[in-house]
Amino acid sequence: MNPAQVAHFRKLLTDWKQALMEEVERTVHHMQDEASNFPDPNDRATQEEEAGP
């Protein structure tokens, strides 16, 4: 690939990585917020399973 193509794909991958990291952050915050409502580990597991992808 020429340098312009490499730069193009590097930007695509960097943007994709950023979007994934933002989704990870949202998911972690959601799990932390919801987990505080369930003192029973089984209830928490059920909540996490129902949340899905």
N, C-alpha and C. Protein backbone atom coordinates (compact mmCIF):
# COMPACT_ATOMS: atom_id res chain seq x y z
N MET A 1 0.85 -1.18 0.00
CA MET A 1 0.00 0.00 0.00
C MET A 1 0.89 1.24 0.00
N ASN A 2 0.35 2.26 -0.60
CA ASN A 2 1.10 3.52 -0.59
C ASN A 2 0.82 4.26 0.72
N PRO A 3 1.59 5.29 1.02
CA PRO A 3 1.43 6.00 2.30
C PRO A 3 0.04 6.59 2.52
N ALA A 4 -0.61 7.04 1.46
CA ALA A 4 -1.96 7.60 1.62
C ALA A 4 -2.95 6.52 2.04
N GLN A 5 -2.82 5.34 1.46
CA GLN A 5 -3.71 4.24 1.83
C GLN A 5 -3.46 3.80 3.28
N VAL A 6 -2.22 3.73 3.66
CA VAL A 6 -1.88 3.37 5.03
C VAL A 6 -2.48 4.39 6.00
N ALA A 7 -2.35 5.66 5.70
CA ALA A 7 -2.91 6.70 6.55
C ALA A 7 -4.43 6.59 6.63
N HIS A 8 -5.05 6.32 5.50
CA HIS A 8 -6.51 6.18 5.47
C HIS A 8 -6.97 5.04 6.38
N PHE A 9 -6.36 3.87 6.23
CA PHE A 9 -6.76 2.73 7.04
C PHE A 9 -6.37 2.89 8.50
N ARG A 10 -5.26 3.56 8.76
CA ARG A 10 -4.88 3.84 10.14
C ARG A 10 -5.94 4.71 10.81
N LYS A 11 -6.45 5.72 10.09
CA LYS A 11 -7.49 6.58 10.64
C LYS A 11 -8.77 5.79 10.88
N LEU A 12 -9.15 4.93 9.93
CA LEU A 12 -10.35 4.10 10.12
C LEU A 12 -10.22 3.24 11.37
N LEU A 13 -9.08 2.60 11.53
CA LEU A 13 -8.88 1.73 12.68
C LEU A 13 -8.82 2.51 13.99
N THR A 14 -8.19 3.67 13.95
CA THR A 14 -8.13 4.51 15.15
C THR A 14 -9.52 4.98 15.56
N ASP A 15 -10.31 5.40 14.58
CA ASP A 15 -11.69 5.82 14.88
C ASP A 15 -12.51 4.66 15.43
N TRP A 16 -12.33 3.48 14.86
CA TRP A 16 -13.05 2.30 15.32
C TRP A 16 -12.64 1.95 16.76
N LYS A 17 -11.35 2.03 17.03
CA LYS A 17 -10.85 1.75 18.38
C LYS A 17 -11.45 2.74 19.38
N GLN A 18 -11.53 4.00 19.00
CA GLN A 18 -12.10 5.01 19.89
C GLN A 18 -13.57 4.71 20.18
N ALA A 19 -14.32 4.33 19.16
CA ALA A 19 -15.74 4.01 19.34
C ALA A 19 -15.90 2.80 20.27
N LEU A 20 -15.04 1.81 20.10
CA LEU A 20 -15.10 0.63 20.96
C LEU A 20 -14.77 0.98 22.41
N MET A 21 -13.77 1.81 22.59
CA MET A 21 -13.39 2.20 23.95
C MET A 21 -14.50 3.00 24.64
N GLU A 22 -15.20 3.83 23.88
CA GLU A 22 -16.32 4.58 24.45
C GLU A 22 -17.44 3.63 24.86
N GLU A 23 -17.69 2.62 24.04
CA GLU A 23 -18.72 1.62 24.37
C GLU A 23 -18.33 0.83 25.60
N VAL A 24 -17.04 0.49 25.73
CA VAL A 24 -16.56 -0.20 26.92
C VAL A 24 -16.82 0.66 28.16
N GLU A 25 -16.52 1.91 28.06
CA GLU A 25 -16.70 2.83 29.19
C GLU A 25 -18.18 2.91 29.60
N ARG A 26 -19.06 3.02 28.61
CA ARG A 26 -20.50 3.06 28.91
C ARG A 26 -20.96 1.76 29.56
N THR A 27 -20.48 0.64 29.04
CA THR A 27 -20.88 -0.65 29.58
C THR A 27 -20.42 -0.81 31.02
N VAL A 28 -19.18 -0.44 31.29
CA VAL A 28 -18.64 -0.56 32.65
C VAL A 28 -19.45 0.32 33.61
N HIS A 29 -19.73 1.55 33.21
CA HIS A 29 -20.51 2.43 34.08
C HIS A 29 -21.91 1.87 34.30
N HIS A 30 -22.52 1.34 33.27
CA HIS A 30 -23.85 0.76 33.40
C HIS A 30 -23.83 -0.41 34.37
N MET A 31 -22.83 -1.27 34.22
CA MET A 31 -22.74 -2.44 35.11
C MET A 31 -22.49 -2.01 36.55
N GLN A 32 -21.67 -0.99 36.75
CA GLN A 32 -21.39 -0.53 38.11
C GLN A 32 -22.63 0.10 38.73
N ASP A 33 -23.36 0.86 37.95
CA ASP A 33 -24.57 1.51 38.46
C ASP A 33 -25.64 0.48 38.81
N GLU A 34 -25.86 -0.46 37.92
CA GLU A 34 -26.89 -1.47 38.13
C GLU A 34 -26.49 -2.48 39.20
N ALA A 35 -25.21 -2.79 39.31
CA ALA A 35 -24.74 -3.80 40.26
C ALA A 35 -24.99 -3.36 41.69
N SER A 36 -24.98 -2.08 41.95
CA SER A 36 -25.17 -1.61 43.31
C SER A 36 -26.58 -1.91 43.82
N ASN A 37 -27.49 -2.20 42.92
CA ASN A 37 -28.87 -2.49 43.31
C ASN A 37 -29.08 -3.96 43.69
N PHE A 38 -28.09 -4.82 43.48
CA PHE A 38 -28.26 -6.24 43.70
C PHE A 38 -27.20 -6.79 44.65
N PRO A 39 -27.52 -6.92 45.93
CA PRO A 39 -26.55 -7.46 46.86
C PRO A 39 -26.30 -8.96 46.65
N ASP A 40 -27.28 -9.67 46.07
CA ASP A 40 -27.16 -11.10 45.82
C ASP A 40 -26.42 -11.34 44.50
N PRO A 41 -25.33 -12.09 44.50
CA PRO A 41 -24.58 -12.34 43.25
C PRO A 41 -25.44 -12.97 42.16
N ASN A 42 -26.40 -13.80 42.52
CA ASN A 42 -27.28 -14.40 41.52
C ASN A 42 -28.16 -13.37 40.84
N ASP A 43 -28.65 -12.41 41.61
CA ASP A 43 -29.45 -11.34 41.03
C ASP A 43 -28.61 -10.50 40.07
N ARG A 44 -27.38 -10.23 40.48
CA ARG A 44 -26.48 -9.44 39.61
C ARG A 44 -26.20 -10.21 38.31
N ALA A 45 -25.95 -11.51 38.42
CA ALA A 45 -25.67 -12.31 37.24
C ALA A 45 -26.87 -12.30 36.29
N THR A 46 -28.06 -12.40 36.85
CA THR A 46 -29.27 -12.36 36.03
C THR A 46 -29.39 -11.01 35.33
N GLN A 47 -29.11 -9.93 36.05
CA GLN A 47 -29.19 -8.59 35.46
C GLN A 47 -28.18 -8.43 34.34
N GLU A 48 -26.97 -8.94 34.52
CA GLU A 48 -25.95 -8.82 33.49
C GLU A 48 -26.31 -9.64 32.26
N GLU A 49 -26.88 -10.82 32.50
CA GLU A 49 -27.29 -11.67 31.38
C GLU A 49 -28.40 -11.01 30.58
N GLU A 50 -29.35 -10.41 31.26
CA GLU A 50 -30.46 -9.76 30.58
C GLU A 50 -30.05 -8.50 29.83
N ALA A 51 -28.97 -7.86 30.29
CA ALA A 51 -28.50 -6.65 29.62
C ALA A 51 -28.03 -6.96 28.21
N GLY A 52 -27.39 -8.12 28.03
CA GLY A 52 -26.96 -8.56 26.71
C GLY A 52 -25.99 -7.60 26.06
N PRO A 53 -25.73 -7.82 24.75
CA PRO A 53 -24.77 -6.97 24.04
C PRO A 53 -25.32 -5.63 23.67
